[in-house]
PDB file of N, CA and C in Angstrom:
ATOM      1  N   MET A   1      25.130  29.336  11.276  1.00  0.00           N
ATOM      2  CA  MET A   1      23.970  28.637  10.790  1.00  0.00           C
ATOM      3  C   MET A   1      22.982  29.644  10.202  1.00  0.00           C
ATOM      4  N   ALA A   2      22.532  29.415   8.997  1.00  0.00           N
ATOM      5  CA  ALA A   2      21.628  30.330   8.320  1.00  0.00           C
ATOM      6  C   ALA A   2      20.191  30.124   8.786  1.00  0.00           C
ATOM      7  N   LYS A   3      19.470  31.221   8.907  1.00  0.00           N
ATOM      8  CA  LYS A   3      18.062  31.145   9.307  1.00  0.00           C
ATOM      9  C   LYS A   3      17.205  30.912   8.074  1.00  0.00           C
ATOM     10  N   LYS A   4      16.147  30.154   8.253  1.00  0.00           N
ATOM     11  CA  LYS A   4      15.213  29.907   7.159  1.00  0.00           C
ATOM     12  C   LYS A   4      14.240  31.070   7.076  1.00  0.00           C
ATOM     13  N   LYS A   5      13.938  31.479   5.859  1.00  0.00           N
ATOM     14  CA  LYS A   5      12.968  32.556   5.666  1.00  0.00           C
ATOM     15  C   LYS A   5      11.577  31.963   5.553  1.00  0.00           C
ATOM     16  N   LYS A   6      10.628  32.622   6.178  1.00  0.00           N
ATOM     17  CA  LYS A   6       9.248  32.167   6.155  1.00  0.00           C
ATOM     18  C   LYS A   6       8.594  32.586   4.836  1.00  0.00           C
ATOM     19  N   LYS A   7       7.916  31.654   4.207  1.00  0.00           N
ATOM     20  CA  LYS A   7       7.220  31.942   2.950  1.00  0.00           C
ATOM     21  C   LYS A   7       5.902  32.653   3.246  1.00  0.00           C
ATOM     22  N   ASP A   8       5.534  33.579   2.418  1.00  0.00           N
ATOM     23  CA  ASP A   8       4.274  34.307   2.581  1.00  0.00           C
ATOM     24  C   ASP A   8       3.193  33.779   1.653  1.00  0.00           C
ATOM     25  N   THR A   9       3.225  32.506   1.369  1.00  0.00           N
ATOM     26  CA  THR A   9       2.221  31.931   0.486  1.00  0.00           C
ATOM     27  C   THR A   9       1.065  31.376   1.311  1.00  0.00           C
ATOM     28  N   ASP A  10      -0.096  31.331   0.701  1.00  0.00           N
ATOM     29  CA  ASP A  10      -1.271  30.779   1.362  1.00  0.00           C
ATOM     30  C   ASP A  10      -1.202  29.261   1.336  1.00  0.00           C
ATOM     31  N   PRO A  11      -1.677  28.612   2.394  1.00  0.00           N
ATOM     32  CA  PRO A  11      -1.679  27.145   2.415  1.00  0.00           C
ATOM     33  C   PRO A  11      -2.696  26.581   1.429  1.00  0.00           C
ATOM     34  N   LYS A  12      -2.495  25.338   1.025  1.00  0.00           N
ATOM     35  CA  LYS A  12      -3.447  24.665   0.143  1.00  0.00           C
ATOM     36  C   LYS A  12      -4.690  24.322   0.953  1.00  0.00           C
ATOM     37  N   VAL A  13      -5.848  24.703   0.444  1.00  0.00           N
ATOM     38  CA  VAL A  13      -7.105  24.436   1.136  1.00  0.00           C
ATOM     39  C   VAL A  13      -8.124  23.877   0.151  1.00  0.00           C
ATOM     40  N   HIS A  14      -9.177  23.299   0.686  1.00  0.00           N
ATOM     41  CA  HIS A  14     -10.284  22.788  -0.122  1.00  0.00           C
ATOM     42  C   HIS A  14     -10.903  23.947  -0.906  1.00  0.00           C
ATOM     43  N   GLU A  15     -11.417  23.654  -2.069  1.00  0.00           N
ATOM     44  CA  GLU A  15     -12.013  24.677  -2.943  1.00  0.00           C
ATOM     45  C   GLU A  15     -13.114  25.478  -2.247  1.00  0.00           C
ATOM     46  N   ASP A  16     -13.902  24.825  -1.394  1.00  0.00           N
ATOM     47  CA  ASP A  16     -15.000  25.499  -0.695  1.00  0.00           C
ATOM     48  C   ASP A  16     -14.503  26.444   0.403  1.00  0.00           C
ATOM     49  N   LEU A  17     -13.234  26.314   0.805  1.00  0.00           N
ATOM     50  CA  LEU A  17     -12.701  27.131   1.893  1.00  0.00           C
ATOM     51  C   LEU A  17     -11.720  28.197   1.425  1.00  0.00           C
ATOM     52  N   LYS A  18     -11.740  28.530   0.149  1.00  0.00           N
ATOM     53  CA  LYS A  18     -10.855  29.584  -0.353  1.00  0.00           C
ATOM     54  C   LYS A  18     -11.154  30.887   0.381  1.00  0.00           C
ATOM     55  N   GLY A  19     -10.117  31.559   0.856  1.00  0.00           N
ATOM     56  CA  GLY A  19     -10.283  32.823   1.561  1.00  0.00           C
ATOM     57  C   GLY A  19     -10.489  32.680   3.054  1.00  0.00           C
ATOM     58  N   PHE A  20     -10.424  31.457   3.567  1.00  0.00           N
ATOM     59  CA  PHE A  20     -10.630  31.225   4.993  1.00  0.00           C
ATOM     60  C   PHE A  20      -9.394  31.659   5.776  1.00  0.00           C
ATOM     61  N   LYS A  21      -9.587  32.546   6.730  1.00  0.00           N
ATOM     62  CA  LYS A  21      -8.506  33.020   7.593  1.00  0.00           C
ATOM     63  C   LYS A  21      -8.971  32.889   9.042  1.00  0.00           C
ATOM     64  N   MET A  22      -8.048  32.529   9.928  1.00  0.00           N
ATOM     65  CA  MET A  22      -8.362  32.411  11.339  1.00  0.00           C
ATOM     66  C   MET A  22      -7.248  33.074  12.132  1.00  0.00           C
ATOM     67  N   ASP A  23      -7.618  33.940  13.076  1.00  0.00           N
ATOM     68  CA  ASP A  23      -6.651  34.662  13.890  1.00  0.00           C
ATOM     69  C   ASP A  23      -7.022  34.518  15.368  1.00  0.00           C
ATOM     70  N   ILE A  24      -6.010  34.614  16.216  1.00  0.00           N
ATOM     71  CA  ILE A  24      -6.207  34.626  17.664  1.00  0.00           C
ATOM     72  C   ILE A  24      -5.615  35.929  18.183  1.00  0.00           C
ATOM     73  N   ASN A  25      -6.443  36.738  18.852  1.00  0.00           N
ATOM     74  CA  ASN A  25      -5.963  38.036  19.331  1.00  0.00           C
ATOM     75  C   ASN A  25      -5.233  37.879  20.670  1.00  0.00           C
ATOM     76  N   SER A  26      -4.803  38.995  21.242  1.00  0.00           N
ATOM     77  CA  SER A  26      -4.009  38.960  22.470  1.00  0.00           C
ATOM     78  C   SER A  26      -4.808  38.478  23.683  1.00  0.00           C
ATOM     79  N   PHE A  27      -6.136  38.490  23.599  1.00  0.00           N
ATOM     80  CA  PHE A  27      -6.975  37.990  24.692  1.00  0.00           C
ATOM     81  C   PHE A  27      -7.318  36.510  24.521  1.00  0.00           C
ATOM     82  N   GLY A  28      -6.842  35.891  23.454  1.00  0.00           N
ATOM     83  CA  GLY A  28      -7.128  34.481  23.194  1.00  0.00           C
ATOM     84  C   GLY A  28      -8.433  34.249  22.473  1.00  0.00           C
ATOM     85  N   GLU A  29      -9.058  35.309  21.968  1.00  0.00           N
ATOM     86  CA  GLU A  29     -10.308  35.169  21.232  1.00  0.00           C
ATOM     87  C   GLU A  29     -10.009  34.782  19.783  1.00  0.00           C
ATOM     88  N   ILE A  30     -10.771  33.839  19.277  1.00  0.00           N
ATOM     89  CA  ILE A  30     -10.588  33.370  17.910  1.00  0.00           C
ATOM     90  C   ILE A  30     -11.523  34.136  16.993  1.00  0.00           C
ATOM     91  N   SER A  31     -10.967  34.684  15.918  1.00  0.00           N
ATOM     92  CA  SER A  31     -11.794  35.348  14.913  1.00  0.00           C
ATOM     93  C   SER A  31     -11.548  34.669  13.571  1.00  0.00           C
ATOM     94  N   SER A  32     -12.593  34.598  12.775  1.00  0.00           N
ATOM     95  CA  SER A  32     -12.535  33.871  11.520  1.00  0.00           C
ATOM     96  C   SER A  32     -13.159  34.695  10.409  1.00  0.00           C
ATOM     97  N   SER A  33     -12.715  34.447   9.175  1.00  0.00           N
ATOM     98  CA  SER A  33     -13.287  35.153   8.036  1.00  0.00           C
ATOM     99  C   SER A  33     -14.591  34.499   7.572  1.00  0.00           C
ATOM    100  N   PHE A  34     -14.905  33.298   8.050  1.00  0.00           N
ATOM    101  CA  PHE A  34     -16.147  32.605   7.723  1.00  0.00           C
ATOM    102  C   PHE A  34     -17.011  32.519   8.974  1.00  0.00           C
ATOM    103  N   SER A  35     -18.309  32.476   8.779  1.00  0.00           N
ATOM    104  CA  SER A  35     -19.213  32.308   9.922  1.00  0.00           C
ATOM    105  C   SER A  35     -19.149  30.865  10.424  1.00  0.00           C
ATOM    106  N   ILE A  36     -19.489  30.689  11.674  1.00  0.00           N
ATOM    107  CA  ILE A  36     -19.499  29.355  12.274  1.00  0.00           C
ATOM    108  C   ILE A  36     -20.464  28.433  11.530  1.00  0.00           C
ATOM    109  N   ASP A  37     -21.604  28.978  11.083  1.00  0.00           N
ATOM    110  CA  ASP A  37     -22.577  28.167  10.357  1.00  0.00           C
ATOM    111  C   ASP A  37     -22.000  27.630   9.058  1.00  0.00           C
ATOM    112  N   LYS A  38     -21.227  28.446   8.341  1.00  0.00           N
ATOM    113  CA  LYS A  38     -20.630  28.009   7.078  1.00  0.00           C
ATOM    114  C   LYS A  38     -19.559  26.947   7.332  1.00  0.00           C
ATOM    115  N   ILE A  39     -18.772  27.097   8.387  1.00  0.00           N
ATOM    116  CA  ILE A  39     -17.760  26.108   8.737  1.00  0.00           C
ATOM    117  C   ILE A  39     -18.425  24.792   9.116  1.00  0.00           C
ATOM    118  N   ASN A  40     -19.472  24.843   9.942  1.00  0.00           N
ATOM    119  CA  ASN A  40     -20.193  23.633  10.342  1.00  0.00           C
ATOM    120  C   ASN A  40     -20.840  22.938   9.156  1.00  0.00           C
ATOM    121  N   GLU A  41     -21.389  23.705   8.228  1.00  0.00           N
ATOM    122  CA  GLU A  41     -21.992  23.134   7.024  1.00  0.00           C
ATOM    123  C   GLU A  41     -20.938  22.374   6.215  1.00  0.00           C
ATOM    124  N   PHE A  42     -19.757  22.965   6.063  1.00  0.00           N
ATOM    125  CA  PHE A  42     -18.667  22.307   5.340  1.00  0.00           C
ATOM    126  C   PHE A  42     -18.250  21.016   6.044  1.00  0.00           C
ATOM    127  N   LEU A  43     -18.089  21.064   7.371  1.00  0.00           N
ATOM    128  CA  LEU A  43     -17.671  19.881   8.119  1.00  0.00           C
ATOM    129  C   LEU A  43     -18.719  18.782   8.064  1.00  0.00           C
ATOM    130  N   ASN A  44     -19.989  19.134   8.166  1.00  0.00           N
ATOM    131  CA  ASN A  44     -21.055  18.128   8.087  1.00  0.00           C
ATOM    132  C   ASN A  44     -21.072  17.451   6.725  1.00  0.00           C
ATOM    133  N   LYS A  45     -20.755  18.199   5.693  1.00  0.00           N
ATOM    134  CA  LYS A  45     -20.779  17.683   4.329  1.00  0.00           C
ATOM    135  C   LYS A  45     -19.558  16.813   4.026  1.00  0.00           C
ATOM    136  N   ASN A  46     -18.394  17.137   4.597  1.00  0.00           N
ATOM    137  CA  ASN A  46     -17.141  16.511   4.174  1.00  0.00           C
ATOM    138  C   ASN A  46     -16.458  15.614   5.201  1.00  0.00           C
ATOM    139  N   VAL A  47     -16.916  15.616   6.444  1.00  0.00           N
ATOM    140  CA  VAL A  47     -16.246  14.840   7.478  1.00  0.00           C
ATOM    141  C   VAL A  47     -17.244  13.887   8.122  1.00  0.00           C
ATOM    142  N   GLU A  48     -16.856  12.610   8.188  1.00  0.00           N
ATOM    143  CA  GLU A  48     -17.717  11.608   8.815  1.00  0.00           C
ATOM    144  C   GLU A  48     -17.549  11.671  10.329  1.00  0.00           C
ATOM    145  N   ASP A  49     -18.655  11.664  11.053  1.00  0.00           N
ATOM    146  CA  ASP A  49     -18.625  11.693  12.509  1.00  0.00           C
ATOM    147  C   ASP A  49     -18.388  10.281  13.022  1.00  0.00           C
ATOM    148  N   LYS A  50     -17.239  10.052  13.643  1.00  0.00           N
ATOM    149  CA  LYS A  50     -16.866   8.717  14.110  1.00  0.00           C
ATOM    150  C   LYS A  50     -17.820   8.175  15.163  1.00  0.00           C
ATOM    151  N   LYS A  51     -18.393   9.051  15.976  1.00  0.00           N
ATOM    152  CA  LYS A  51     -19.290   8.601  17.037  1.00  0.00           C
ATOM    153  C   LYS A  51     -20.636   8.141  16.496  1.00  0.00           C
ATOM    154  N   LEU A  52     -21.030   8.646  15.342  1.00  0.00           N
ATOM    155  CA  LEU A  52     -22.354   8.332  14.803  1.00  0.00           C
ATOM    156  C   LEU A  52     -22.336   7.297  13.693  1.00  0.00           C
ATOM    157  N   LYS A  53     -21.181   6.872  13.213  1.00  0.00           N
ATOM    158  CA  LYS A  53     -21.131   6.005  12.033  1.00  0.00           C
ATOM    159  C   LYS A  53     -21.690   4.610  12.268  1.00  0.00           C
ATOM    160  N   ASP A  54     -21.656   4.095  13.484  1.00  0.00           N
ATOM    161  CA  ASP A  54     -22.130   2.743  13.751  1.00  0.00           C
ATOM    162  C   ASP A  54     -23.512   2.685  14.391  1.00  0.00           C
ATOM    163  N   ARG A  55     -24.195   3.814  14.457  1.00  0.00           N
ATOM    164  CA  ARG A  55     -25.519   3.821  15.081  1.00  0.00           C
ATOM    165  C   ARG A  55     -26.572   3.315  14.109  1.00  0.00           C
ATOM    166  N   ASP A  56     -27.465   2.460  14.596  1.00  0.00           N
ATOM    167  CA  ASP A  56     -28.526   1.900  13.769  1.00  0.00           C
ATOM    168  C   ASP A  56     -29.788   2.743  13.784  1.00  0.00           C
ATOM    169  N   ASP A  57     -29.944   3.617  14.769  1.00  0.00           N
ATOM    170  CA  ASP A  57     -31.180   4.386  14.907  1.00  0.00           C
ATOM    171  C   ASP A  57     -31.217   5.632  14.025  1.00  0.00           C
ATOM    172  N   LEU A  58     -30.152   5.928  13.296  1.00  0.00           N
ATOM    173  CA  LEU A  58     -30.140   7.087  12.402  1.00  0.00           C
ATOM    174  C   LEU A  58     -30.506   6.654  10.995  1.00  0.00           C
ATOM    175  N   ASP A  59     -31.512   7.311  10.418  1.00  0.00           N
ATOM    176  CA  ASP A  59     -31.972   6.957   9.080  1.00  0.00           C
ATOM    177  C   ASP A  59     -31.347   7.820   7.997  1.00  0.00           C
ATOM    178  N   THR A  60     -30.791   8.972   8.373  1.00  0.00           N
ATOM    179  CA  THR A  60     -30.274   9.882   7.365  1.00  0.00           C
ATOM    180  C   THR A  60     -28.823   9.565   7.049  1.00  0.00           C
ATOM    181  N   ASP A  61     -28.380   9.955   5.862  1.00  0.00           N
ATOM    182  CA  ASP A  61     -26.988   9.781   5.439  1.00  0.00           C
ATOM    183  C   ASP A  61     -26.272  11.118   5.492  1.00  0.00           C
ATOM    184  N   GLU A  62     -26.607  11.946   6.477  1.00  0.00           N
ATOM    185  CA  GLU A  62     -26.081  13.294   6.586  1.00  0.00           C
ATOM    186  C   GLU A  62     -24.560  13.320   6.720  1.00  0.00           C
ATOM    187  N   GLY A  63     -23.990  12.433   7.505  1.00  0.00           N
ATOM    188  CA  GLY A  63     -22.564  12.460   7.782  1.00  0.00           C
ATOM    189  C   GLY A  63     -21.708  11.668   6.799  1.00  0.00           C
ATOM    190  N   LYS A  64     -22.325  11.012   5.830  1.00  0.00           N
ATOM    191  CA  LYS A  64     -21.572  10.169   4.908  1.00  0.00           C
ATOM    192  C   LYS A  64     -21.191  10.932   3.654  1.00  0.00           C
ATOM    193  N   LYS A  65     -20.019  10.614   3.137  1.00  0.00           N
ATOM    194  CA  LYS A  65     -19.569  11.219   1.873  1.00  0.00           C
ATOM    195  C   LYS A  65     -20.268  10.558   0.718  1.00  0.00           C
ATOM    196  N   GLU A  66     -20.466  11.317  -0.330  1.00  0.00           N
ATOM    197  CA  GLU A  66     -21.116  10.762  -1.522  1.00  0.00           C
ATOM    198  C   GLU A  66     -20.097  10.459  -2.574  1.00  0.00           C
TER     199      GLU A  66
END
């Protein structure tokens, strides 16, 4: 049985996340090429929060896609 060779190509990512790399070292610590603030900003802009979508007390459209 032949073994499959692993491709060394980068995965397809959103345009705003070009160059994003994430590694886990031998101690289990996660390191990233982007800051946590930049990742959170991207997620707030592009992902709807399921827990907050049906709340009536929120006036802002922060979590909604445009």
